[in-house]
Amino acid sequence: MKTIFECFKQNRQVWAWAAIVCMFLIFIGHAPVLPIFTGGLLAVVITSLRALGSNQKKPWQTGS
């Protein structure tokens, strides 16, 4: 099972694109900072946590 830190390291490209999109929306689009920052952070965390559980076997996959 992967740790959360390993999962975040594997999703570095997601972190980079989230930062680029957030900066674009804030500086070019003049969007409010807090909702944009929170949404970008939430999207990355959800993506990373979904990838964390993808290697685990599901209960219905344990049959012979």
C-alpha atoms as a PDB file:
ATOM      1  CA  MET A   1       0.000   0.000   0.000  1.00  0.00           C
ATOM      2  CA  LYS A   2       1.295   3.422  -0.914  1.00  0.00           C
ATOM      3  CA  THR A   3       1.628   6.159   1.642  1.00  0.00           C
ATOM      4  CA  ILE A   4      -0.061   9.517   1.167  1.00  0.00           C
ATOM      5  CA  PHE A   5       3.322  11.204   0.623  1.00  0.00           C
ATOM      6  CA  GLU A   6       4.243   8.762  -2.165  1.00  0.00           C
ATOM      7  CA  CYS A   7       0.875   9.353  -3.763  1.00  0.00           C
ATOM      8  CA  PHE A   8       1.380  13.133  -3.674  1.00  0.00           C
ATOM      9  CA  LYS A   9       4.842  12.708  -5.212  1.00  0.00           C
ATOM     10  CA  GLN A  10       3.375  10.714  -8.095  1.00  0.00           C
ATOM     11  CA  ASN A  11       0.851  13.480  -8.770  1.00  0.00           C
ATOM     12  CA  ARG A  12       3.392  16.301  -9.171  1.00  0.00           C
ATOM     13  CA  GLN A  13       2.049  17.207 -12.600  1.00  0.00           C
ATOM     14  CA  VAL A  14      -1.427  17.654 -11.134  1.00  0.00           C
ATOM     15  CA  TRP A  15       0.022  19.995  -8.485  1.00  0.00           C
ATOM     16  CA  ALA A  16       1.862  22.004 -11.163  1.00  0.00           C
ATOM     17  CA  TRP A  17      -1.174  22.404 -13.402  1.00  0.00           C
ATOM     18  CA  ALA A  18      -3.376  23.338 -10.452  1.00  0.00           C
ATOM     19  CA  ALA A  19      -0.906  26.079  -9.514  1.00  0.00           C
ATOM     20  CA  ILE A  20      -0.750  27.362 -13.110  1.00  0.00           C
ATOM     21  CA  VAL A  21      -4.528  27.443 -13.476  1.00  0.00           C
ATOM     22  CA  CYS A  22      -4.949  29.153 -10.092  1.00  0.00           C
ATOM     23  CA  MET A  23      -2.391  31.839 -10.956  1.00  0.00           C
ATOM     24  CA  PHE A  24      -3.997  32.374 -14.356  1.00  0.00           C
ATOM     25  CA  LEU A  25      -7.455  32.801 -12.841  1.00  0.00           C
ATOM     26  CA  ILE A  26      -6.219  35.100 -10.070  1.00  0.00           C
ATOM     27  CA  PHE A  27      -3.855  37.353 -12.030  1.00  0.00           C
ATOM     28  CA  ILE A  28      -5.422  37.402 -15.504  1.00  0.00           C
ATOM     29  CA  GLY A  29      -9.059  36.745 -14.664  1.00  0.00           C
ATOM     30  CA  HIS A  30      -9.098  38.838 -11.460  1.00  0.00           C
ATOM     31  CA  ALA A  31     -10.908  36.047  -9.634  1.00  0.00           C
ATOM     32  CA  PRO A  32     -11.131  36.040  -5.823  1.00  0.00           C
ATOM     33  CA  VAL A  33      -8.060  34.411  -4.285  1.00  0.00           C
ATOM     34  CA  LEU A  34      -9.482  32.289  -1.470  1.00  0.00           C
ATOM     35  CA  PRO A  35     -12.109  30.306  -3.448  1.00  0.00           C
ATOM     36  CA  ILE A  36      -9.692  29.676  -6.316  1.00  0.00           C
ATOM     37  CA  PHE A  37      -6.909  28.542  -3.977  1.00  0.00           C
ATOM     38  CA  THR A  38      -9.284  26.344  -1.964  1.00  0.00           C
ATOM     39  CA  GLY A  39     -10.787  24.760  -5.069  1.00  0.00           C
ATOM     40  CA  GLY A  40      -7.393  23.998  -6.591  1.00  0.00           C
ATOM     41  CA  LEU A  41      -6.118  22.481  -3.360  1.00  0.00           C
ATOM     42  CA  LEU A  42      -9.274  20.433  -2.914  1.00  0.00           C
ATOM     43  CA  ALA A  43      -9.093  19.085  -6.477  1.00  0.00           C
ATOM     44  CA  VAL A  44      -5.489  17.970  -6.030  1.00  0.00           C
ATOM     45  CA  VAL A  45      -6.144  16.334  -2.663  1.00  0.00           C
ATOM     46  CA  ILE A  46      -9.183  14.442  -3.966  1.00  0.00           C
ATOM     47  CA  THR A  47      -7.234  13.249  -7.017  1.00  0.00           C
ATOM     48  CA  SER A  48      -4.316  12.099  -4.876  1.00  0.00           C
ATOM     49  CA  LEU A  49      -6.521  10.286  -2.377  1.00  0.00           C
ATOM     50  CA  ARG A  50      -8.408   8.520  -5.171  1.00  0.00           C
ATOM     51  CA  ALA A  51      -5.083   7.321  -6.585  1.00  0.00           C
ATOM     52  CA  LEU A  52      -4.093   6.113  -3.108  1.00  0.00           C
ATOM     53  CA  GLY A  53      -6.935   3.604  -2.994  1.00  0.00           C
ATOM     54  CA  SER A  54      -6.626   2.410  -6.584  1.00  0.00           C
ATOM     55  CA  ASN A  55      -4.047  -0.299  -5.777  1.00  0.00           C
ATOM     56  CA  GLN A  56      -6.082  -1.957  -3.050  1.00  0.00           C
ATOM     57  CA  LYS A  57      -8.114  -5.024  -3.905  1.00  0.00           C
ATOM     58  CA  LYS A  58     -11.837  -4.591  -3.694  1.00  0.00           C
ATOM     59  CA  PRO A  59     -13.858  -7.052  -1.577  1.00  0.00           C
ATOM     60  CA  TRP A  60     -15.529  -8.523  -4.673  1.00  0.00           C
ATOM     61  CA  GLN A  61     -12.118  -9.137  -6.343  1.00  0.00           C
ATOM     62  CA  THR A  62     -10.804 -11.506  -3.652  1.00  0.00           C
ATOM     63  CA  GLY A  63     -12.386 -14.654  -5.122  1.00  0.00           C
ATOM     64  CA  SER A  64     -10.371 -17.395  -6.781  1.00  0.00           C
END
